[in-house]
């Protein structure tokens, strides 16, 4: 027997995330943390201690002061690259410690 109330999976997911915006925001934050690993690569990752998102700001703790200085200089480009990787405007700034 054929069902008449069928929907596409993409439509169902879109409806679900519209109703559960907190869950969608958390999922995007996880994408940004994954983007940090993918966009900056393993060399930067070995100097990274902690990465988290709070209030649309990405906080990153680094063990290398030289790397910290370099990343502070290209902060705007990093924000754009990470948001592009995530596919959404998730962060608006980066704080590098």
C-alpha atoms as a PDB file:
ATOM      1  CA  UNK A   1       0.000   0.000   0.000  1.00  0.00           C
ATOM      2  CA  UNK A   2       1.403   3.410  -0.996  1.00  0.00           C
ATOM      3  CA  UNK A   3       1.568   6.233   1.560  1.00  0.00           C
ATOM      4  CA  UNK A   4       0.300   9.647   0.571  1.00  0.00           C
ATOM      5  CA  UNK A   5       2.067  11.713   3.221  1.00  0.00           C
ATOM      6  CA  UNK A   6       5.620  11.140   1.987  1.00  0.00           C
ATOM      7  CA  UNK A   7       8.255  13.882   2.130  1.00  0.00           C
ATOM      8  CA  UNK A   8      11.828  14.125   0.998  1.00  0.00           C
ATOM      9  CA  UNK A   9      14.464  13.498   3.652  1.00  0.00           C
ATOM     10  CA  UNK A  10      15.999  16.941   3.130  1.00  0.00           C
ATOM     11  CA  UNK A  11      12.648  18.608   3.791  1.00  0.00           C
ATOM     12  CA  UNK A  12      12.150  16.575   6.953  1.00  0.00           C
ATOM     13  CA  UNK A  13      15.585  17.500   8.280  1.00  0.00           C
ATOM     14  CA  UNK A  14      15.065  21.180   7.447  1.00  0.00           C
ATOM     15  CA  UNK A  15      11.734  21.154   9.310  1.00  0.00           C
ATOM     16  CA  UNK A  16      13.310  19.354  12.258  1.00  0.00           C
ATOM     17  CA  UNK A  17      16.150  21.867  12.593  1.00  0.00           C
ATOM     18  CA  UNK A  18      13.774  24.819  12.222  1.00  0.00           C
ATOM     19  CA  UNK A  19      11.921  23.511  15.264  1.00  0.00           C
ATOM     20  CA  UNK A  20      15.148  22.694  17.180  1.00  0.00           C
ATOM     21  CA  UNK A  21      17.457  25.655  16.590  1.00  0.00           C
ATOM     22  CA  UNK A  22      19.611  24.896  19.653  1.00  0.00           C
ATOM     23  CA  UNK A  23      20.471  21.494  18.250  1.00  0.00           C
ATOM     24  CA  UNK A  24      21.309  23.015  14.864  1.00  0.00           C
ATOM     25  CA  UNK A  25      23.603  25.603  16.470  1.00  0.00           C
ATOM     26  CA  UNK A  26      25.443  22.906  18.438  1.00  0.00           C
ATOM     27  CA  UNK A  27      25.888  20.872  15.271  1.00  0.00           C
ATOM     28  CA  UNK A  28      27.360  23.916  13.519  1.00  0.00           C
ATOM     29  CA  UNK A  29      29.762  24.488  16.428  1.00  0.00           C
ATOM     30  CA  UNK A  30      31.004  20.919  16.038  1.00  0.00           C
ATOM     31  CA  UNK A  31      31.526  21.579  12.338  1.00  0.00           C
ATOM     32  CA  UNK A  32      33.626  24.636  13.157  1.00  0.00           C
ATOM     33  CA  UNK A  33      35.828  22.623  15.539  1.00  0.00           C
ATOM     34  CA  UNK A  34      36.272  20.003  12.825  1.00  0.00           C
ATOM     35  CA  UNK A  35      36.985  22.772  10.320  1.00  0.00           C
ATOM     36  CA  UNK A  36      39.851  24.000  12.516  1.00  0.00           C
ATOM     37  CA  UNK A  37      41.502  20.602  12.107  1.00  0.00           C
ATOM     38  CA  UNK A  38      40.808  20.307   8.387  1.00  0.00           C
ATOM     39  CA  UNK A  39      41.513  23.881   7.247  1.00  0.00           C
ATOM     40  CA  UNK A  40      44.686  24.483   9.260  1.00  0.00           C
ATOM     41  CA  UNK A  41      46.116  20.986   9.028  1.00  0.00           C
ATOM     42  CA  UNK A  42      48.126  18.688  11.283  1.00  0.00           C
ATOM     43  CA  UNK A  43      51.035  21.088  11.905  1.00  0.00           C
ATOM     44  CA  UNK A  44      48.793  23.690  13.558  1.00  0.00           C
ATOM     45  CA  UNK A  45      46.795  20.973  15.277  1.00  0.00           C
ATOM     46  CA  UNK A  46      49.850  19.745  17.184  1.00  0.00           C
ATOM     47  CA  UNK A  47      50.162  23.195  18.817  1.00  0.00           C
ATOM     48  CA  UNK A  48      46.431  23.488  19.531  1.00  0.00           C
ATOM     49  CA  UNK A  49      45.320  22.701  23.063  1.00  0.00           C
ATOM     50  CA  UNK A  50      41.682  23.728  23.252  1.00  0.00           C
ATOM     51  CA  UNK A  51      39.064  24.815  20.684  1.00  0.00           C
ATOM     52  CA  UNK A  52      35.515  25.801  21.587  1.00  0.00           C
ATOM     53  CA  UNK A  53      32.721  28.128  20.451  1.00  0.00           C
ATOM     54  CA  UNK A  54      30.805  30.451  22.745  1.00  0.00           C
ATOM     55  CA  UNK A  55      28.404  33.188  21.627  1.00  0.00           C
ATOM     56  CA  UNK A  56      29.536  32.968  17.980  1.00  0.00           C
ATOM     57  CA  UNK A  57      33.188  33.447  18.947  1.00  0.00           C
ATOM     58  CA  UNK A  58      35.772  30.719  18.407  1.00  0.00           C
ATOM     59  CA  UNK A  59      38.274  30.438  21.263  1.00  0.00           C
ATOM     60  CA  UNK A  60      41.564  28.706  20.518  1.00  0.00           C
ATOM     61  CA  UNK A  61      44.433  27.986  22.932  1.00  0.00           C
ATOM     62  CA  UNK A  62      47.836  27.494  21.343  1.00  0.00           C
ATOM     63  CA  UNK A  63      51.170  26.431  22.837  1.00  0.00           C
ATOM     64  CA  UNK A  64      53.302  28.305  20.276  1.00  0.00           C
ATOM     65  CA  UNK A  65      53.625  32.077  20.596  1.00  0.00           C
ATOM     66  CA  UNK A  66      55.001  32.370  17.054  1.00  0.00           C
ATOM     67  CA  UNK A  67      52.023  30.515  15.595  1.00  0.00           C
ATOM     68  CA  UNK A  68      49.683  32.592  17.758  1.00  0.00           C
ATOM     69  CA  UNK A  69      51.133  35.809  16.304  1.00  0.00           C
ATOM     70  CA  UNK A  70      50.793  34.538  12.733  1.00  0.00           C
ATOM     71  CA  UNK A  71      47.184  33.460  13.198  1.00  0.00           C
ATOM     72  CA  UNK A  72      46.183  36.726  14.865  1.00  0.00           C
ATOM     73  CA  UNK A  73      47.372  38.573  11.756  1.00  0.00           C
ATOM     74  CA  UNK A  74      45.114  36.544   9.443  1.00  0.00           C
ATOM     75  CA  UNK A  75      42.124  36.276  11.786  1.00  0.00           C
ATOM     76  CA  UNK A  76      39.542  37.661   9.302  1.00  0.00           C
ATOM     77  CA  UNK A  77      40.631  35.237   6.595  1.00  0.00           C
ATOM     78  CA  UNK A  78      40.402  32.364   9.104  1.00  0.00           C
ATOM     79  CA  UNK A  79      36.840  33.320  10.071  1.00  0.00           C
ATOM     80  CA  UNK A  80      35.819  33.302   6.413  1.00  0.00           C
ATOM     81  CA  UNK A  81      37.569  29.989   5.682  1.00  0.00           C
ATOM     82  CA  UNK A  82      36.081  28.229   8.708  1.00  0.00           C
ATOM     83  CA  UNK A  83      32.573  29.495   7.983  1.00  0.00           C
ATOM     84  CA  UNK A  84      32.928  28.433   4.336  1.00  0.00           C
ATOM     85  CA  UNK A  85      33.971  24.954   5.446  1.00  0.00           C
ATOM     86  CA  UNK A  86      30.983  24.721   7.807  1.00  0.00           C
ATOM     87  CA  UNK A  87      28.645  25.996   5.091  1.00  0.00           C
ATOM     88  CA  UNK A  88      27.063  28.613   7.330  1.00  0.00           C
ATOM     89  CA  UNK A  89      27.841  31.836   9.206  1.00  0.00           C
ATOM     90  CA  UNK A  90      28.648  30.144  12.530  1.00  0.00           C
ATOM     91  CA  UNK A  91      31.352  32.384  13.987  1.00  0.00           C
ATOM     92  CA  UNK A  92      31.975  36.106  13.736  1.00  0.00           C
ATOM     93  CA  UNK A  93      35.356  36.343  15.476  1.00  0.00           C
ATOM     94  CA  UNK A  94      38.294  34.288  16.747  1.00  0.00           C
ATOM     95  CA  UNK A  95      40.088  34.768  20.057  1.00  0.00           C
ATOM     96  CA  UNK A  96      43.520  33.181  20.011  1.00  0.00           C
ATOM     97  CA  UNK A  97      45.196  32.658  23.383  1.00  0.00           C
END
